[in-house]
Amino acid sequence: KEKQDSMNRYGALSSQHKILKNQHD
């Protein structure tokens, strides 16, 4: 369960990172 939560958080952070990277660009 913790692994799944971590993967979900990683996915959310990854998409947020892409959005922020695009905004940064």
PDBML (XML) file of the C-alpha atoms, coordinates in Angstrom:
<?xml version="1.0" encoding="UTF-8" ?>
<PDBx:datablock datablockName="MODEL"
   xmlns:PDBx="http://pdbml.pdb.org/schema/pdbx-v50.xsd"
   xmlns:xsi="http://www.w3.org/2001/XMLSchema-instance"
   xsi:schemaLocation="http://pdbml.pdb.org/schema/pdbx-v50.xsd pdbx-v50.xsd">
   <PDBx:atom_siteCategory>
      <PDBx:atom_site id="1">
         <PDBx:B_iso_or_equiv>0.00</PDBx:B_iso_or_equiv>
         <PDBx:Cartn_x>0.000</PDBx:Cartn_x>
         <PDBx:Cartn_y>0.000</PDBx:Cartn_y>
         <PDBx:Cartn_z>0.000</PDBx:Cartn_z>
         <PDBx:auth_asym_id>A</PDBx:auth_asym_id>
         <PDBx:auth_atom_id>CA</PDBx:auth_atom_id>
         <PDBx:auth_comp_id>LYS</PDBx:auth_comp_id>
         <PDBx:auth_seq_id>1</PDBx:auth_seq_id>
         <PDBx:group_PDB>ATOM</PDBx:group_PDB>
         <PDBx:label_alt_id xsi:nil="true" />
         <PDBx:label_asym_id>A</PDBx:label_asym_id>
         <PDBx:label_atom_id>CA</PDBx:label_atom_id>
         <PDBx:label_comp_id>LYS</PDBx:label_comp_id>
         <PDBx:label_entity_id>1</PDBx:label_entity_id>
         <PDBx:label_seq_id>1</PDBx:label_seq_id>
         <PDBx:occupancy>1.00</PDBx:occupancy>
         <PDBx:pdbx_PDB_model_num>1</PDBx:pdbx_PDB_model_num>
         <PDBx:type_symbol>C</PDBx:type_symbol>
      </PDBx:atom_site>
      <PDBx:atom_site id="2">
         <PDBx:B_iso_or_equiv>0.00</PDBx:B_iso_or_equiv>
         <PDBx:Cartn_x>2.819</PDBx:Cartn_x>
         <PDBx:Cartn_y>2.390</PDBx:Cartn_y>
         <PDBx:Cartn_z>0.907</PDBx:Cartn_z>
         <PDBx:auth_asym_id>A</PDBx:auth_asym_id>
         <PDBx:auth_atom_id>CA</PDBx:auth_atom_id>
         <PDBx:auth_comp_id>GLU</PDBx:auth_comp_id>
         <PDBx:auth_seq_id>2</PDBx:auth_seq_id>
         <PDBx:group_PDB>ATOM</PDBx:group_PDB>
         <PDBx:label_alt_id xsi:nil="true" />
         <PDBx:label_asym_id>A</PDBx:label_asym_id>
         <PDBx:label_atom_id>CA</PDBx:label_atom_id>
         <PDBx:label_comp_id>GLU</PDBx:label_comp_id>
         <PDBx:label_entity_id>1</PDBx:label_entity_id>
         <PDBx:label_seq_id>2</PDBx:label_seq_id>
         <PDBx:occupancy>1.00</PDBx:occupancy>
         <PDBx:pdbx_PDB_model_num>1</PDBx:pdbx_PDB_model_num>
         <PDBx:type_symbol>C</PDBx:type_symbol>
      </PDBx:atom_site>
      <PDBx:atom_site id="3">
         <PDBx:B_iso_or_equiv>0.00</PDBx:B_iso_or_equiv>
         <PDBx:Cartn_x>4.581</PDBx:Cartn_x>
         <PDBx:Cartn_y>1.508</PDBx:Cartn_y>
         <PDBx:Cartn_z>-2.356</PDBx:Cartn_z>
         <PDBx:auth_asym_id>A</PDBx:auth_asym_id>
         <PDBx:auth_atom_id>CA</PDBx:auth_atom_id>
         <PDBx:auth_comp_id>LYS</PDBx:auth_comp_id>
         <PDBx:auth_seq_id>3</PDBx:auth_seq_id>
         <PDBx:group_PDB>ATOM</PDBx:group_PDB>
         <PDBx:label_alt_id xsi:nil="true" />
         <PDBx:label_asym_id>A</PDBx:label_asym_id>
         <PDBx:label_atom_id>CA</PDBx:label_atom_id>
         <PDBx:label_comp_id>LYS</PDBx:label_comp_id>
         <PDBx:label_entity_id>1</PDBx:label_entity_id>
         <PDBx:label_seq_id>3</PDBx:label_seq_id>
         <PDBx:occupancy>1.00</PDBx:occupancy>
         <PDBx:pdbx_PDB_model_num>1</PDBx:pdbx_PDB_model_num>
         <PDBx:type_symbol>C</PDBx:type_symbol>
      </PDBx:atom_site>
      <PDBx:atom_site id="4">
         <PDBx:B_iso_or_equiv>0.00</PDBx:B_iso_or_equiv>
         <PDBx:Cartn_x>1.362</PDBx:Cartn_x>
         <PDBx:Cartn_y>2.214</PDBx:Cartn_y>
         <PDBx:Cartn_z>-4.303</PDBx:Cartn_z>
         <PDBx:auth_asym_id>A</PDBx:auth_asym_id>
         <PDBx:auth_atom_id>CA</PDBx:auth_atom_id>
         <PDBx:auth_comp_id>GLN</PDBx:auth_comp_id>
         <PDBx:auth_seq_id>4</PDBx:auth_seq_id>
         <PDBx:group_PDB>ATOM</PDBx:group_PDB>
         <PDBx:label_alt_id xsi:nil="true" />
         <PDBx:label_asym_id>A</PDBx:label_asym_id>
         <PDBx:label_atom_id>CA</PDBx:label_atom_id>
         <PDBx:label_comp_id>GLN</PDBx:label_comp_id>
         <PDBx:label_entity_id>1</PDBx:label_entity_id>
         <PDBx:label_seq_id>4</PDBx:label_seq_id>
         <PDBx:occupancy>1.00</PDBx:occupancy>
         <PDBx:pdbx_PDB_model_num>1</PDBx:pdbx_PDB_model_num>
         <PDBx:type_symbol>C</PDBx:type_symbol>
      </PDBx:atom_site>
      <PDBx:atom_site id="5">
         <PDBx:B_iso_or_equiv>0.00</PDBx:B_iso_or_equiv>
         <PDBx:Cartn_x>0.902</PDBx:Cartn_x>
         <PDBx:Cartn_y>5.537</PDBx:Cartn_y>
         <PDBx:Cartn_z>-2.457</PDBx:Cartn_z>
         <PDBx:auth_asym_id>A</PDBx:auth_asym_id>
         <PDBx:auth_atom_id>CA</PDBx:auth_atom_id>
         <PDBx:auth_comp_id>ASP</PDBx:auth_comp_id>
         <PDBx:auth_seq_id>5</PDBx:auth_seq_id>
         <PDBx:group_PDB>ATOM</PDBx:group_PDB>
         <PDBx:label_alt_id xsi:nil="true" />
         <PDBx:label_asym_id>A</PDBx:label_asym_id>
         <PDBx:label_atom_id>CA</PDBx:label_atom_id>
         <PDBx:label_comp_id>ASP</PDBx:label_comp_id>
         <PDBx:label_entity_id>1</PDBx:label_entity_id>
         <PDBx:label_seq_id>5</PDBx:label_seq_id>
         <PDBx:occupancy>1.00</PDBx:occupancy>
         <PDBx:pdbx_PDB_model_num>1</PDBx:pdbx_PDB_model_num>
         <PDBx:type_symbol>C</PDBx:type_symbol>
      </PDBx:atom_site>
      <PDBx:atom_site id="6">
         <PDBx:B_iso_or_equiv>0.00</PDBx:B_iso_or_equiv>
         <PDBx:Cartn_x>4.514</PDBx:Cartn_x>
         <PDBx:Cartn_y>6.434</PDBx:Cartn_y>
         <PDBx:Cartn_z>-3.189</PDBx:Cartn_z>
         <PDBx:auth_asym_id>A</PDBx:auth_asym_id>
         <PDBx:auth_atom_id>CA</PDBx:auth_atom_id>
         <PDBx:auth_comp_id>SER</PDBx:auth_comp_id>
         <PDBx:auth_seq_id>6</PDBx:auth_seq_id>
         <PDBx:group_PDB>ATOM</PDBx:group_PDB>
         <PDBx:label_alt_id xsi:nil="true" />
         <PDBx:label_asym_id>A</PDBx:label_asym_id>
         <PDBx:label_atom_id>CA</PDBx:label_atom_id>
         <PDBx:label_comp_id>SER</PDBx:label_comp_id>
         <PDBx:label_entity_id>1</PDBx:label_entity_id>
         <PDBx:label_seq_id>6</PDBx:label_seq_id>
         <PDBx:occupancy>1.00</PDBx:occupancy>
         <PDBx:pdbx_PDB_model_num>1</PDBx:pdbx_PDB_model_num>
         <PDBx:type_symbol>C</PDBx:type_symbol>
      </PDBx:atom_site>
      <PDBx:atom_site id="7">
         <PDBx:B_iso_or_equiv>0.00</PDBx:B_iso_or_equiv>
         <PDBx:Cartn_x>4.052</PDBx:Cartn_x>
         <PDBx:Cartn_y>5.587</PDBx:Cartn_y>
         <PDBx:Cartn_z>-6.878</PDBx:Cartn_z>
         <PDBx:auth_asym_id>A</PDBx:auth_asym_id>
         <PDBx:auth_atom_id>CA</PDBx:auth_atom_id>
         <PDBx:auth_comp_id>MET</PDBx:auth_comp_id>
         <PDBx:auth_seq_id>7</PDBx:auth_seq_id>
         <PDBx:group_PDB>ATOM</PDBx:group_PDB>
         <PDBx:label_alt_id xsi:nil="true" />
         <PDBx:label_asym_id>A</PDBx:label_asym_id>
         <PDBx:label_atom_id>CA</PDBx:label_atom_id>
         <PDBx:label_comp_id>MET</PDBx:label_comp_id>
         <PDBx:label_entity_id>1</PDBx:label_entity_id>
         <PDBx:label_seq_id>7</PDBx:label_seq_id>
         <PDBx:occupancy>1.00</PDBx:occupancy>
         <PDBx:pdbx_PDB_model_num>1</PDBx:pdbx_PDB_model_num>
         <PDBx:type_symbol>C</PDBx:type_symbol>
      </PDBx:atom_site>
      <PDBx:atom_site id="8">
         <PDBx:B_iso_or_equiv>0.00</PDBx:B_iso_or_equiv>
         <PDBx:Cartn_x>0.899</PDBx:Cartn_x>
         <PDBx:Cartn_y>7.737</PDBx:Cartn_y>
         <PDBx:Cartn_z>-6.950</PDBx:Cartn_z>
         <PDBx:auth_asym_id>A</PDBx:auth_asym_id>
         <PDBx:auth_atom_id>CA</PDBx:auth_atom_id>
         <PDBx:auth_comp_id>ASN</PDBx:auth_comp_id>
         <PDBx:auth_seq_id>8</PDBx:auth_seq_id>
         <PDBx:group_PDB>ATOM</PDBx:group_PDB>
         <PDBx:label_alt_id xsi:nil="true" />
         <PDBx:label_asym_id>A</PDBx:label_asym_id>
         <PDBx:label_atom_id>CA</PDBx:label_atom_id>
         <PDBx:label_comp_id>ASN</PDBx:label_comp_id>
         <PDBx:label_entity_id>1</PDBx:label_entity_id>
         <PDBx:label_seq_id>8</PDBx:label_seq_id>
         <PDBx:occupancy>1.00</PDBx:occupancy>
         <PDBx:pdbx_PDB_model_num>1</PDBx:pdbx_PDB_model_num>
         <PDBx:type_symbol>C</PDBx:type_symbol>
      </PDBx:atom_site>
      <PDBx:atom_site id="9">
         <PDBx:B_iso_or_equiv>0.00</PDBx:B_iso_or_equiv>
         <PDBx:Cartn_x>2.731</PDBx:Cartn_x>
         <PDBx:Cartn_y>10.621</PDBx:Cartn_y>
         <PDBx:Cartn_z>-5.257</PDBx:Cartn_z>
         <PDBx:auth_asym_id>A</PDBx:auth_asym_id>
         <PDBx:auth_atom_id>CA</PDBx:auth_atom_id>
         <PDBx:auth_comp_id>ARG</PDBx:auth_comp_id>
         <PDBx:auth_seq_id>9</PDBx:auth_seq_id>
         <PDBx:group_PDB>ATOM</PDBx:group_PDB>
         <PDBx:label_alt_id xsi:nil="true" />
         <PDBx:label_asym_id>A</PDBx:label_asym_id>
         <PDBx:label_atom_id>CA</PDBx:label_atom_id>
         <PDBx:label_comp_id>ARG</PDBx:label_comp_id>
         <PDBx:label_entity_id>1</PDBx:label_entity_id>
         <PDBx:label_seq_id>9</PDBx:label_seq_id>
         <PDBx:occupancy>1.00</PDBx:occupancy>
         <PDBx:pdbx_PDB_model_num>1</PDBx:pdbx_PDB_model_num>
         <PDBx:type_symbol>C</PDBx:type_symbol>
      </PDBx:atom_site>
      <PDBx:atom_site id="10">
         <PDBx:B_iso_or_equiv>0.00</PDBx:B_iso_or_equiv>
         <PDBx:Cartn_x>5.663</PDBx:Cartn_x>
         <PDBx:Cartn_y>10.146</PDBx:Cartn_y>
         <PDBx:Cartn_z>-7.649</PDBx:Cartn_z>
         <PDBx:auth_asym_id>A</PDBx:auth_asym_id>
         <PDBx:auth_atom_id>CA</PDBx:auth_atom_id>
         <PDBx:auth_comp_id>TYR</PDBx:auth_comp_id>
         <PDBx:auth_seq_id>10</PDBx:auth_seq_id>
         <PDBx:group_PDB>ATOM</PDBx:group_PDB>
         <PDBx:label_alt_id xsi:nil="true" />
         <PDBx:label_asym_id>A</PDBx:label_asym_id>
         <PDBx:label_atom_id>CA</PDBx:label_atom_id>
         <PDBx:label_comp_id>TYR</PDBx:label_comp_id>
         <PDBx:label_entity_id>1</PDBx:label_entity_id>
         <PDBx:label_seq_id>10</PDBx:label_seq_id>
         <PDBx:occupancy>1.00</PDBx:occupancy>
         <PDBx:pdbx_PDB_model_num>1</PDBx:pdbx_PDB_model_num>
         <PDBx:type_symbol>C</PDBx:type_symbol>
      </PDBx:atom_site>
      <PDBx:atom_site id="11">
         <PDBx:B_iso_or_equiv>0.00</PDBx:B_iso_or_equiv>
         <PDBx:Cartn_x>3.280</PDBx:Cartn_x>
         <PDBx:Cartn_y>10.287</PDBx:Cartn_y>
         <PDBx:Cartn_z>-10.621</PDBx:Cartn_z>
         <PDBx:auth_asym_id>A</PDBx:auth_asym_id>
         <PDBx:auth_atom_id>CA</PDBx:auth_atom_id>
         <PDBx:auth_comp_id>GLY</PDBx:auth_comp_id>
         <PDBx:auth_seq_id>11</PDBx:auth_seq_id>
         <PDBx:group_PDB>ATOM</PDBx:group_PDB>
         <PDBx:label_alt_id xsi:nil="true" />
         <PDBx:label_asym_id>A</PDBx:label_asym_id>
         <PDBx:label_atom_id>CA</PDBx:label_atom_id>
         <PDBx:label_comp_id>GLY</PDBx:label_comp_id>
         <PDBx:label_entity_id>1</PDBx:label_entity_id>
         <PDBx:label_seq_id>11</PDBx:label_seq_id>
         <PDBx:occupancy>1.00</PDBx:occupancy>
         <PDBx:pdbx_PDB_model_num>1</PDBx:pdbx_PDB_model_num>
         <PDBx:type_symbol>C</PDBx:type_symbol>
      </PDBx:atom_site>
      <PDBx:atom_site id="12">
         <PDBx:B_iso_or_equiv>0.00</PDBx:B_iso_or_equiv>
         <PDBx:Cartn_x>1.615</PDBx:Cartn_x>
         <PDBx:Cartn_y>13.429</PDBx:Cartn_y>
         <PDBx:Cartn_z>-9.266</PDBx:Cartn_z>
         <PDBx:auth_asym_id>A</PDBx:auth_asym_id>
         <PDBx:auth_atom_id>CA</PDBx:auth_atom_id>
         <PDBx:auth_comp_id>ALA</PDBx:auth_comp_id>
         <PDBx:auth_seq_id>12</PDBx:auth_seq_id>
         <PDBx:group_PDB>ATOM</PDBx:group_PDB>
         <PDBx:label_alt_id xsi:nil="true" />
         <PDBx:label_asym_id>A</PDBx:label_asym_id>
         <PDBx:label_atom_id>CA</PDBx:label_atom_id>
         <PDBx:label_comp_id>ALA</PDBx:label_comp_id>
         <PDBx:label_entity_id>1</PDBx:label_entity_id>
         <PDBx:label_seq_id>12</PDBx:label_seq_id>
         <PDBx:occupancy>1.00</PDBx:occupancy>
         <PDBx:pdbx_PDB_model_num>1</PDBx:pdbx_PDB_model_num>
         <PDBx:type_symbol>C</PDBx:type_symbol>
      </PDBx:atom_site>
      <PDBx:atom_site id="13">
         <PDBx:B_iso_or_equiv>0.00</PDBx:B_iso_or_equiv>
         <PDBx:Cartn_x>4.977</PDBx:Cartn_x>
         <PDBx:Cartn_y>15.054</PDBx:Cartn_y>
         <PDBx:Cartn_z>-8.530</PDBx:Cartn_z>
         <PDBx:auth_asym_id>A</PDBx:auth_asym_id>
         <PDBx:auth_atom_id>CA</PDBx:auth_atom_id>
         <PDBx:auth_comp_id>LEU</PDBx:auth_comp_id>
         <PDBx:auth_seq_id>13</PDBx:auth_seq_id>
         <PDBx:group_PDB>ATOM</PDBx:group_PDB>
         <PDBx:label_alt_id xsi:nil="true" />
         <PDBx:label_asym_id>A</PDBx:label_asym_id>
         <PDBx:label_atom_id>CA</PDBx:label_atom_id>
         <PDBx:label_comp_id>LEU</PDBx:label_comp_id>
         <PDBx:label_entity_id>1</PDBx:label_entity_id>
         <PDBx:label_seq_id>13</PDBx:label_seq_id>
         <PDBx:occupancy>1.00</PDBx:occupancy>
         <PDBx:pdbx_PDB_model_num>1</PDBx:pdbx_PDB_model_num>
         <PDBx:type_symbol>C</PDBx:type_symbol>
      </PDBx:atom_site>
      <PDBx:atom_site id="14">
         <PDBx:B_iso_or_equiv>0.00</PDBx:B_iso_or_equiv>
         <PDBx:Cartn_x>6.265</PDBx:Cartn_x>
         <PDBx:Cartn_y>14.035</PDBx:Cartn_y>
         <PDBx:Cartn_z>-11.945</PDBx:Cartn_z>
         <PDBx:auth_asym_id>A</PDBx:auth_asym_id>
         <PDBx:auth_atom_id>CA</PDBx:auth_atom_id>
         <PDBx:auth_comp_id>SER</PDBx:auth_comp_id>
         <PDBx:auth_seq_id>14</PDBx:auth_seq_id>
         <PDBx:group_PDB>ATOM</PDBx:group_PDB>
         <PDBx:label_alt_id xsi:nil="true" />
         <PDBx:label_asym_id>A</PDBx:label_asym_id>
         <PDBx:label_atom_id>CA</PDBx:label_atom_id>
         <PDBx:label_comp_id>SER</PDBx:label_comp_id>
         <PDBx:label_entity_id>1</PDBx:label_entity_id>
         <PDBx:label_seq_id>14</PDBx:label_seq_id>
         <PDBx:occupancy>1.00</PDBx:occupancy>
         <PDBx:pdbx_PDB_model_num>1</PDBx:pdbx_PDB_model_num>
         <PDBx:type_symbol>C</PDBx:type_symbol>
      </PDBx:atom_site>
      <PDBx:atom_site id="15">
         <PDBx:B_iso_or_equiv>0.00</PDBx:B_iso_or_equiv>
         <PDBx:Cartn_x>3.297</PDBx:Cartn_x>
         <PDBx:Cartn_y>15.614</PDBx:Cartn_y>
         <PDBx:Cartn_z>-13.735</PDBx:Cartn_z>
         <PDBx:auth_asym_id>A</PDBx:auth_asym_id>
         <PDBx:auth_atom_id>CA</PDBx:auth_atom_id>
         <PDBx:auth_comp_id>SER</PDBx:auth_comp_id>
         <PDBx:auth_seq_id>15</PDBx:auth_seq_id>
         <PDBx:group_PDB>ATOM</PDBx:group_PDB>
         <PDBx:label_alt_id xsi:nil="true" />
         <PDBx:label_asym_id>A</PDBx:label_asym_id>
         <PDBx:label_atom_id>CA</PDBx:label_atom_id>
         <PDBx:label_comp_id>SER</PDBx:label_comp_id>
         <PDBx:label_entity_id>1</PDBx:label_entity_id>
         <PDBx:label_seq_id>15</PDBx:label_seq_id>
         <PDBx:occupancy>1.00</PDBx:occupancy>
         <PDBx:pdbx_PDB_model_num>1</PDBx:pdbx_PDB_model_num>
         <PDBx:type_symbol>C</PDBx:type_symbol>
      </PDBx:atom_site>
      <PDBx:atom_site id="16">
         <PDBx:B_iso_or_equiv>0.00</PDBx:B_iso_or_equiv>
         <PDBx:Cartn_x>3.571</PDBx:Cartn_x>
         <PDBx:Cartn_y>18.685</PDBx:Cartn_y>
         <PDBx:Cartn_z>-11.508</PDBx:Cartn_z>
         <PDBx:auth_asym_id>A</PDBx:auth_asym_id>
         <PDBx:auth_atom_id>CA</PDBx:auth_atom_id>
         <PDBx:auth_comp_id>GLN</PDBx:auth_comp_id>
         <PDBx:auth_seq_id>16</PDBx:auth_seq_id>
         <PDBx:group_PDB>ATOM</PDBx:group_PDB>
         <PDBx:label_alt_id xsi:nil="true" />
         <PDBx:label_asym_id>A</PDBx:label_asym_id>
         <PDBx:label_atom_id>CA</PDBx:label_atom_id>
         <PDBx:label_comp_id>GLN</PDBx:label_comp_id>
         <PDBx:label_entity_id>1</PDBx:label_entity_id>
         <PDBx:label_seq_id>16</PDBx:label_seq_id>
         <PDBx:occupancy>1.00</PDBx:occupancy>
         <PDBx:pdbx_PDB_model_num>1</PDBx:pdbx_PDB_model_num>
         <PDBx:type_symbol>C</PDBx:type_symbol>
      </PDBx:atom_site>
      <PDBx:atom_site id="17">
         <PDBx:B_iso_or_equiv>0.00</PDBx:B_iso_or_equiv>
         <PDBx:Cartn_x>7.290</PDBx:Cartn_x>
         <PDBx:Cartn_y>18.838</PDBx:Cartn_y>
         <PDBx:Cartn_z>-12.342</PDBx:Cartn_z>
         <PDBx:auth_asym_id>A</PDBx:auth_asym_id>
         <PDBx:auth_atom_id>CA</PDBx:auth_atom_id>
         <PDBx:auth_comp_id>HIS</PDBx:auth_comp_id>
         <PDBx:auth_seq_id>17</PDBx:auth_seq_id>
         <PDBx:group_PDB>ATOM</PDBx:group_PDB>
         <PDBx:label_alt_id xsi:nil="true" />
         <PDBx:label_asym_id>A</PDBx:label_asym_id>
         <PDBx:label_atom_id>CA</PDBx:label_atom_id>
         <PDBx:label_comp_id>HIS</PDBx:label_comp_id>
         <PDBx:label_entity_id>1</PDBx:label_entity_id>
         <PDBx:label_seq_id>17</PDBx:label_seq_id>
         <PDBx:occupancy>1.00</PDBx:occupancy>
         <PDBx:pdbx_PDB_model_num>1</PDBx:pdbx_PDB_model_num>
         <PDBx:type_symbol>C</PDBx:type_symbol>
      </PDBx:atom_site>
      <PDBx:atom_site id="18">
         <PDBx:B_iso_or_equiv>0.00</PDBx:B_iso_or_equiv>
         <PDBx:Cartn_x>6.496</PDBx:Cartn_x>
         <PDBx:Cartn_y>18.747</PDBx:Cartn_y>
         <PDBx:Cartn_z>-16.068</PDBx:Cartn_z>
         <PDBx:auth_asym_id>A</PDBx:auth_asym_id>
         <PDBx:auth_atom_id>CA</PDBx:auth_atom_id>
         <PDBx:auth_comp_id>LYS</PDBx:auth_comp_id>
         <PDBx:auth_seq_id>18</PDBx:auth_seq_id>
         <PDBx:group_PDB>ATOM</PDBx:group_PDB>
         <PDBx:label_alt_id xsi:nil="true" />
         <PDBx:label_asym_id>A</PDBx:label_asym_id>
         <PDBx:label_atom_id>CA</PDBx:label_atom_id>
         <PDBx:label_comp_id>LYS</PDBx:label_comp_id>
         <PDBx:label_entity_id>1</PDBx:label_entity_id>
         <PDBx:label_seq_id>18</PDBx:label_seq_id>
         <PDBx:occupancy>1.00</PDBx:occupancy>
         <PDBx:pdbx_PDB_model_num>1</PDBx:pdbx_PDB_model_num>
         <PDBx:type_symbol>C</PDBx:type_symbol>
      </PDBx:atom_site>
      <PDBx:atom_site id="19">
         <PDBx:B_iso_or_equiv>0.00</PDBx:B_iso_or_equiv>
         <PDBx:Cartn_x>3.926</PDBx:Cartn_x>
         <PDBx:Cartn_y>21.519</PDBx:Cartn_y>
         <PDBx:Cartn_z>-15.652</PDBx:Cartn_z>
         <PDBx:auth_asym_id>A</PDBx:auth_asym_id>
         <PDBx:auth_atom_id>CA</PDBx:auth_atom_id>
         <PDBx:auth_comp_id>ILE</PDBx:auth_comp_id>
         <PDBx:auth_seq_id>19</PDBx:auth_seq_id>
         <PDBx:group_PDB>ATOM</PDBx:group_PDB>
         <PDBx:label_alt_id xsi:nil="true" />
         <PDBx:label_asym_id>A</PDBx:label_asym_id>
         <PDBx:label_atom_id>CA</PDBx:label_atom_id>
         <PDBx:label_comp_id>ILE</PDBx:label_comp_id>
         <PDBx:label_entity_id>1</PDBx:label_entity_id>
         <PDBx:label_seq_id>19</PDBx:label_seq_id>
         <PDBx:occupancy>1.00</PDBx:occupancy>
         <PDBx:pdbx_PDB_model_num>1</PDBx:pdbx_PDB_model_num>
         <PDBx:type_symbol>C</PDBx:type_symbol>
      </PDBx:atom_site>
      <PDBx:atom_site id="20">
         <PDBx:B_iso_or_equiv>0.00</PDBx:B_iso_or_equiv>
         <PDBx:Cartn_x>6.354</PDBx:Cartn_x>
         <PDBx:Cartn_y>23.618</PDBx:Cartn_y>
         <PDBx:Cartn_z>-13.612</PDBx:Cartn_z>
         <PDBx:auth_asym_id>A</PDBx:auth_asym_id>
         <PDBx:auth_atom_id>CA</PDBx:auth_atom_id>
         <PDBx:auth_comp_id>LEU</PDBx:auth_comp_id>
         <PDBx:auth_seq_id>20</PDBx:auth_seq_id>
         <PDBx:group_PDB>ATOM</PDBx:group_PDB>
         <PDBx:label_alt_id xsi:nil="true" />
         <PDBx:label_asym_id>A</PDBx:label_asym_id>
         <PDBx:label_atom_id>CA</PDBx:label_atom_id>
         <PDBx:label_comp_id>LEU</PDBx:label_comp_id>
         <PDBx:label_entity_id>1</PDBx:label_entity_id>
         <PDBx:label_seq_id>20</PDBx:label_seq_id>
         <PDBx:occupancy>1.00</PDBx:occupancy>
         <PDBx:pdbx_PDB_model_num>1</PDBx:pdbx_PDB_model_num>
         <PDBx:type_symbol>C</PDBx:type_symbol>
      </PDBx:atom_site>
      <PDBx:atom_site id="21">
         <PDBx:B_iso_or_equiv>0.00</PDBx:B_iso_or_equiv>
         <PDBx:Cartn_x>9.136</PDBx:Cartn_x>
         <PDBx:Cartn_y>22.954</PDBx:Cartn_y>
         <PDBx:Cartn_z>-16.119</PDBx:Cartn_z>
         <PDBx:auth_asym_id>A</PDBx:auth_asym_id>
         <PDBx:auth_atom_id>CA</PDBx:auth_atom_id>
         <PDBx:auth_comp_id>LYS</PDBx:auth_comp_id>
         <PDBx:auth_seq_id>21</PDBx:auth_seq_id>
         <PDBx:group_PDB>ATOM</PDBx:group_PDB>
         <PDBx:label_alt_id xsi:nil="true" />
         <PDBx:label_asym_id>A</PDBx:label_asym_id>
         <PDBx:label_atom_id>CA</PDBx:label_atom_id>
         <PDBx:label_comp_id>LYS</PDBx:label_comp_id>
         <PDBx:label_entity_id>1</PDBx:label_entity_id>
         <PDBx:label_seq_id>21</PDBx:label_seq_id>
         <PDBx:occupancy>1.00</PDBx:occupancy>
         <PDBx:pdbx_PDB_model_num>1</PDBx:pdbx_PDB_model_num>
         <PDBx:type_symbol>C</PDBx:type_symbol>
      </PDBx:atom_site>
      <PDBx:atom_site id="22">
         <PDBx:B_iso_or_equiv>0.00</PDBx:B_iso_or_equiv>
         <PDBx:Cartn_x>6.882</PDBx:Cartn_x>
         <PDBx:Cartn_y>24.135</PDBx:Cartn_y>
         <PDBx:Cartn_z>-18.955</PDBx:Cartn_z>
         <PDBx:auth_asym_id>A</PDBx:auth_asym_id>
         <PDBx:auth_atom_id>CA</PDBx:auth_atom_id>
         <PDBx:auth_comp_id>ASN</PDBx:auth_comp_id>
         <PDBx:auth_seq_id>22</PDBx:auth_seq_id>
         <PDBx:group_PDB>ATOM</PDBx:group_PDB>
         <PDBx:label_alt_id xsi:nil="true" />
         <PDBx:label_asym_id>A</PDBx:label_asym_id>
         <PDBx:label_atom_id>CA</PDBx:label_atom_id>
         <PDBx:label_comp_id>ASN</PDBx:label_comp_id>
         <PDBx:label_entity_id>1</PDBx:label_entity_id>
         <PDBx:label_seq_id>22</PDBx:label_seq_id>
         <PDBx:occupancy>1.00</PDBx:occupancy>
         <PDBx:pdbx_PDB_model_num>1</PDBx:pdbx_PDB_model_num>
         <PDBx:type_symbol>C</PDBx:type_symbol>
      </PDBx:atom_site>
      <PDBx:atom_site id="23">
         <PDBx:B_iso_or_equiv>0.00</PDBx:B_iso_or_equiv>
         <PDBx:Cartn_x>5.935</PDBx:Cartn_x>
         <PDBx:Cartn_y>27.196</PDBx:Cartn_y>
         <PDBx:Cartn_z>-16.929</PDBx:Cartn_z>
         <PDBx:auth_asym_id>A</PDBx:auth_asym_id>
         <PDBx:auth_atom_id>CA</PDBx:auth_atom_id>
         <PDBx:auth_comp_id>GLN</PDBx:auth_comp_id>
         <PDBx:auth_seq_id>23</PDBx:auth_seq_id>
         <PDBx:group_PDB>ATOM</PDBx:group_PDB>
         <PDBx:label_alt_id xsi:nil="true" />
         <PDBx:label_asym_id>A</PDBx:label_asym_id>
         <PDBx:label_atom_id>CA</PDBx:label_atom_id>
         <PDBx:label_comp_id>GLN</PDBx:label_comp_id>
         <PDBx:label_entity_id>1</PDBx:label_entity_id>
         <PDBx:label_seq_id>23</PDBx:label_seq_id>
         <PDBx:occupancy>1.00</PDBx:occupancy>
         <PDBx:pdbx_PDB_model_num>1</PDBx:pdbx_PDB_model_num>
         <PDBx:type_symbol>C</PDBx:type_symbol>
      </PDBx:atom_site>
      <PDBx:atom_site id="24">
         <PDBx:B_iso_or_equiv>0.00</PDBx:B_iso_or_equiv>
         <PDBx:Cartn_x>9.618</PDBx:Cartn_x>
         <PDBx:Cartn_y>27.809</PDBx:Cartn_y>
         <PDBx:Cartn_z>-16.227</PDBx:Cartn_z>
         <PDBx:auth_asym_id>A</PDBx:auth_asym_id>
         <PDBx:auth_atom_id>CA</PDBx:auth_atom_id>
         <PDBx:auth_comp_id>HIS</PDBx:auth_comp_id>
         <PDBx:auth_seq_id>24</PDBx:auth_seq_id>
         <PDBx:group_PDB>ATOM</PDBx:group_PDB>
         <PDBx:label_alt_id xsi:nil="true" />
         <PDBx:label_asym_id>A</PDBx:label_asym_id>
         <PDBx:label_atom_id>CA</PDBx:label_atom_id>
         <PDBx:label_comp_id>HIS</PDBx:label_comp_id>
         <PDBx:label_entity_id>1</PDBx:label_entity_id>
         <PDBx:label_seq_id>24</PDBx:label_seq_id>
         <PDBx:occupancy>1.00</PDBx:occupancy>
         <PDBx:pdbx_PDB_model_num>1</PDBx:pdbx_PDB_model_num>
         <PDBx:type_symbol>C</PDBx:type_symbol>
      </PDBx:atom_site>
      <PDBx:atom_site id="25">
         <PDBx:B_iso_or_equiv>0.00</PDBx:B_iso_or_equiv>
         <PDBx:Cartn_x>10.412</PDBx:Cartn_x>
         <PDBx:Cartn_y>27.599</PDBx:Cartn_y>
         <PDBx:Cartn_z>-19.938</PDBx:Cartn_z>
         <PDBx:auth_asym_id>A</PDBx:auth_asym_id>
         <PDBx:auth_atom_id>CA</PDBx:auth_atom_id>
         <PDBx:auth_comp_id>ASP</PDBx:auth_comp_id>
         <PDBx:auth_seq_id>25</PDBx:auth_seq_id>
         <PDBx:group_PDB>ATOM</PDBx:group_PDB>
         <PDBx:label_alt_id xsi:nil="true" />
         <PDBx:label_asym_id>A</PDBx:label_asym_id>
         <PDBx:label_atom_id>CA</PDBx:label_atom_id>
         <PDBx:label_comp_id>ASP</PDBx:label_comp_id>
         <PDBx:label_entity_id>1</PDBx:label_entity_id>
         <PDBx:label_seq_id>25</PDBx:label_seq_id>
         <PDBx:occupancy>1.00</PDBx:occupancy>
         <PDBx:pdbx_PDB_model_num>1</PDBx:pdbx_PDB_model_num>
         <PDBx:type_symbol>C</PDBx:type_symbol>
      </PDBx:atom_site>
   </PDBx:atom_siteCategory>
</PDBx:datablock>
